[in-house]
C-alpha atoms as a PDB file:
ATOM      1  CA  MET A   1       0.000   0.000   0.000  1.00  0.00           C
ATOM      2  CA  LYS A   2       2.832   2.357   0.859  1.00  0.00           C
ATOM      3  CA  GLU A   3       4.523   1.705  -2.530  1.00  0.00           C
ATOM      4  CA  TYR A   4       1.202   2.475  -4.247  1.00  0.00           C
ATOM      5  CA  ARG A   5       0.948   5.876  -2.543  1.00  0.00           C
ATOM      6  CA  THR A   6       4.602   6.663  -3.190  1.00  0.00           C
ATOM      7  CA  ARG A   7       4.216   5.858  -6.896  1.00  0.00           C
ATOM      8  CA  HIS A   8       1.063   8.004  -7.197  1.00  0.00           C
ATOM      9  CA  PHE A   9       2.736  10.828  -5.320  1.00  0.00           C
ATOM     10  CA  ALA A  10       5.751  10.669  -7.676  1.00  0.00           C
ATOM     11  CA  ILE A  11       3.484  10.666 -10.759  1.00  0.00           C
ATOM     12  CA  GLY A  12       1.470  13.583  -9.402  1.00  0.00           C
ATOM     13  CA  LEU A  13       4.621  15.530  -8.589  1.00  0.00           C
ATOM     14  CA  ALA A  14       6.046  14.889 -12.065  1.00  0.00           C
ATOM     15  CA  MET A  15       2.817  16.112 -13.649  1.00  0.00           C
ATOM     16  CA  LEU A  16       2.849  19.230 -11.488  1.00  0.00           C
ATOM     17  CA  ILE A  17       6.441  19.991 -12.485  1.00  0.00           C
ATOM     18  CA  ALA A  18       5.615  19.461 -16.175  1.00  0.00           C
ATOM     19  CA  VAL A  19       2.672  21.875 -15.973  1.00  0.00           C
ATOM     20  CA  ALA A  20       4.802  24.465 -14.168  1.00  0.00           C
ATOM     21  CA  LEU A  21       7.569  24.233 -16.778  1.00  0.00           C
ATOM     22  CA  PHE A  22       5.097  24.492 -19.644  1.00  0.00           C
ATOM     23  CA  SER A  23       3.403  27.516 -18.066  1.00  0.00           C
ATOM     24  CA  THR A  24       6.718  29.261 -17.434  1.00  0.00           C
ATOM     25  CA  SER A  25       7.922  28.694 -20.997  1.00  0.00           C
ATOM     26  CA  ARG A  26       4.598  29.989 -22.352  1.00  0.00           C
ATOM     27  CA  LEU A  27       4.862  33.130 -20.182  1.00  0.00           C
ATOM     28  CA  TYR A  28       8.402  33.696 -21.455  1.00  0.00           C
ATOM     29  CA  ALA A  29       7.262  33.245 -25.058  1.00  0.00           C
ATOM     30  CA  ASP A  30       4.375  35.682 -24.505  1.00  0.00           C
ATOM     31  CA  ALA A  31       6.700  38.273 -22.944  1.00  0.00           C
ATOM     32  CA  ASN A  32       9.133  37.760 -25.812  1.00  0.00           C
ATOM     33  CA  GLU A  33       6.433  38.313 -28.449  1.00  0.00           C
ATOM     34  CA  ASP A  34       5.086  41.316 -26.532  1.00  0.00           C
ATOM     35  CA  ALA A  35       8.549  42.926 -26.542  1.00  0.00           C
ATOM     36  CA  ILE A  36       8.860  42.447 -30.301  1.00  0.00           C
ATOM     37  CA  LYS A  37       5.348  43.796 -30.918  1.00  0.00           C
ATOM     38  CA  GLU A  38       6.046  46.837 -28.749  1.00  0.00           C
ATOM     39  CA  VAL A  39       9.266  47.689 -30.614  1.00  0.00           C
ATOM     40  CA  MET A  40       7.470  47.343 -33.956  1.00  0.00           C
ATOM     41  CA  LYS A  41       4.522  49.433 -32.773  1.00  0.00           C
ATOM     42  CA  VAL A  42       6.584  52.277 -31.327  1.00  0.00           C
ATOM     43  CA  TYR A  43       9.446  52.497 -33.832  1.00  0.00           C
ATOM     44  CA  HIS A  44       8.261  50.933 -37.097  1.00  0.00           C
ATOM     45  CA  LYS A  45       4.628  52.062 -37.249  1.00  0.00           C
ATOM     46  CA  ALA A  46       3.053  55.487 -36.931  1.00  0.00           C
ATOM     47  CA  PRO A  47      -0.365  57.083 -37.208  1.00  0.00           C
ATOM     48  CA  LYS A  48      -1.485  57.919 -40.719  1.00  0.00           C
ATOM     49  CA  GLY A  49       0.312  60.992 -42.040  1.00  0.00           C
ATOM     50  CA  VAL A  50       3.239  60.688 -39.601  1.00  0.00           C
ATOM     51  CA  ASP A  51       6.538  59.018 -40.475  1.00  0.00           C
ATOM     52  CA  PRO A  52       7.624  56.267 -38.077  1.00  0.00           C
ATOM     53  CA  VAL A  53      10.926  56.671 -36.252  1.00  0.00           C
ATOM     54  CA  CYS A  54      12.609  54.074 -38.490  1.00  0.00           C
ATOM     55  CA  LYS A  55      11.743  56.119 -41.613  1.00  0.00           C
ATOM     56  CA  ARG A  56      12.958  59.363 -40.037  1.00  0.00           C
ATOM     57  CA  ALA A  57      16.175  57.568 -39.075  1.00  0.00           C
ATOM     58  CA  ALA A  58      16.618  56.191 -42.622  1.00  0.00           C
ATOM     59  CA  ASP A  59      16.098  59.718 -43.986  1.00  0.00           C
ATOM     60  CA  GLY A  60      18.671  61.108 -41.532  1.00  0.00           C
ATOM     61  CA  LYS A  61      15.988  63.197 -39.789  1.00  0.00           C
ATOM     62  CA  ALA A  62      15.666  61.398 -36.436  1.00  0.00           C
ATOM     63  CA  THR A  63      16.541  63.414 -33.338  1.00  0.00           C
ATOM     64  CA  PRO A  64      19.403  62.311 -31.065  1.00  0.00           C
ATOM     65  CA  ASP A  65      16.825  61.278 -28.452  1.00  0.00           C
ATOM     66  CA  GLU A  66      14.913  59.188 -31.016  1.00  0.00           C
ATOM     67  CA  LEU A  67      18.149  57.493 -32.090  1.00  0.00           C
ATOM     68  CA  LYS A  68      19.055  56.744 -28.467  1.00  0.00           C
ATOM     69  CA  LYS A  69      15.640  55.152 -27.893  1.00  0.00           C
ATOM     70  CA  LEU A  70      15.858  53.285 -31.206  1.00  0.00           C
ATOM     71  CA  VAL A  71      19.202  51.764 -30.187  1.00  0.00           C
ATOM     72  CA  ALA A  72      17.706  50.666 -26.850  1.00  0.00           C
ATOM     73  CA  ALA A  73      14.734  49.123 -28.668  1.00  0.00           C
ATOM     74  CA  TYR A  74      17.009  47.222 -31.049  1.00  0.00           C
ATOM     75  CA  LYS A  75      19.029  45.935 -28.069  1.00  0.00           C
ATOM     76  CA  THR A  76      15.752  44.497 -26.784  1.00  0.00           C
ATOM     77  CA  LEU A  77      15.119  42.840 -30.164  1.00  0.00           C
ATOM     78  CA  ALA A  78      18.629  41.408 -30.256  1.00  0.00           C
ATOM     79  CA  HIS A  79      18.043  39.720 -26.877  1.00  0.00           C
ATOM     80  CA  THR A  80      14.749  38.077 -27.802  1.00  0.00           C
ATOM     81  CA  THR A  81      14.153  34.840 -29.628  1.00  0.00           C
ATOM     82  CA  PRO A  82      12.173  34.829 -32.860  1.00  0.00           C
ATOM     83  CA  PRO A  83       8.547  33.669 -32.728  1.00  0.00           C
ATOM     84  CA  ARG A  84       9.338  31.454 -35.709  1.00  0.00           C
ATOM     85  CA  GLY A  85      12.279  30.691 -37.954  1.00  0.00           C
ATOM     86  CA  ASP A  86      15.979  30.233 -37.465  1.00  0.00           C
ATOM     87  CA  GLU A  87      17.416  31.781 -34.310  1.00  0.00           C
ATOM     88  CA  ALA A  88      20.825  32.293 -35.942  1.00  0.00           C
ATOM     89  CA  GLY A  89      19.195  34.268 -38.765  1.00  0.00           C
ATOM     90  CA  TRP A  90      17.289  36.351 -36.211  1.00  0.00           C
ATOM     91  CA  LYS A  91      20.489  37.141 -34.299  1.00  0.00           C
ATOM     92  CA  GLN A  92      22.270  38.093 -37.530  1.00  0.00           C
ATOM     93  CA  LYS A  93      19.473  40.431 -38.661  1.00  0.00           C
ATOM     94  CA  THR A  94      18.918  42.093 -35.271  1.00  0.00           C
ATOM     95  CA  SER A  95      22.658  42.500 -34.656  1.00  0.00           C
ATOM     96  CA  LYS A  96      23.082  44.175 -38.041  1.00  0.00           C
ATOM     97  CA  LEU A  97      20.141  46.484 -37.279  1.00  0.00           C
ATOM     98  CA  LEU A  98      21.512  47.333 -33.836  1.00  0.00           C
ATOM     99  CA  SER A  99      25.010  47.989 -35.173  1.00  0.00           C
ATOM    100  CA  ALA A 100      23.713  50.323 -37.880  1.00  0.00           C
ATOM    101  CA  ALA A 101      21.525  52.220 -35.386  1.00  0.00           C
ATOM    102  CA  GLU A 102      24.492  52.613 -33.025  1.00  0.00           C
ATOM    103  CA  GLU A 103      26.570  54.042 -35.884  1.00  0.00           C
ATOM    104  CA  MET A 104      23.823  56.561 -36.670  1.00  0.00           C
ATOM    105  CA  GLU A 105      23.614  57.506 -33.004  1.00  0.00           C
ATOM    106  CA  LYS A 106      27.366  58.135 -32.960  1.00  0.00           C
ATOM    107  CA  GLY A 107      27.059  60.279 -36.087  1.00  0.00           C
ATOM    108  CA  LYS A 108      29.205  58.072 -38.306  1.00  0.00           C
ATOM    109  CA  PRO A 109      28.927  59.134 -41.961  1.00  0.00           C
ATOM    110  CA  ASP A 110      27.975  55.704 -43.327  1.00  0.00           C
ATOM    111  CA  GLY A 111      25.537  54.936 -40.482  1.00  0.00           C
ATOM    112  CA  VAL A 112      22.408  55.946 -42.422  1.00  0.00           C
ATOM    113  CA  ALA A 113      23.409  53.869 -45.463  1.00  0.00           C
ATOM    114  CA  LYS A 114      24.061  50.819 -43.272  1.00  0.00           C
ATOM    115  CA  TYR A 115      20.746  51.370 -41.490  1.00  0.00           C
ATOM    116  CA  LYS A 116      18.842  51.551 -44.796  1.00  0.00           C
ATOM    117  CA  GLU A 117      20.351  48.211 -45.745  1.00  0.00           C
ATOM    118  CA  ALA A 118      19.677  46.617 -42.346  1.00  0.00           C
ATOM    119  CA  VAL A 119      16.068  47.781 -41.877  1.00  0.00           C
ATOM    120  CA  ASN A 120      14.653  45.269 -44.352  1.00  0.00           C
ATOM    121  CA  CYS A 121      11.152  44.604 -43.022  1.00  0.00           C
ATOM    122  CA  LYS A 122      10.203  41.987 -45.593  1.00  0.00           C
ATOM    123  CA  ALA A 123      13.310  39.857 -45.037  1.00  0.00           C
ATOM    124  CA  CYS A 124      12.699  39.703 -41.299  1.00  0.00           C
ATOM    125  CA  HIS A 125       8.930  39.277 -41.469  1.00  0.00           C
ATOM    126  CA  SER A 126       9.150  36.539 -44.127  1.00  0.00           C
ATOM    127  CA  ALA A 127      11.465  34.487 -41.942  1.00  0.00           C
ATOM    128  CA  HIS A 128      10.312  35.291 -38.406  1.00  0.00           C
ATOM    129  CA  LYS A 129       6.866  36.878 -38.107  1.00  0.00           C
ATOM    130  CA  PRO A 130       4.241  34.445 -36.833  1.00  0.00           C
ATOM    131  CA  GLU A 131       1.488  33.653 -39.301  1.00  0.00           C
END
């Protein structure tokens, strides 16, 4: 009888641990996706008639404060995992974007050109945006 209870207790404990791990990973994934959505919403979208920060940056018209915030946002992207697709490709794309934004922030002459090349929405969305 004691072995029966011990076995059931062990099975119940294992199930509880599995549910906890699944819930934690789902919360992390949700937080990860929320961070990506927030960066896209704030820096890559804008109300109708207003240029988003990424466009102003690509045109060389972003303010120093906007560039500072853009760099911080891209650091967030670089530390997330993609909702779908290859993680190595995600790291390569976000690192390139972050590096170009940092060069613009520092006022390097080729920073805008590198940023224009790096801010390729279609390439990233095709590979990583959830369907």
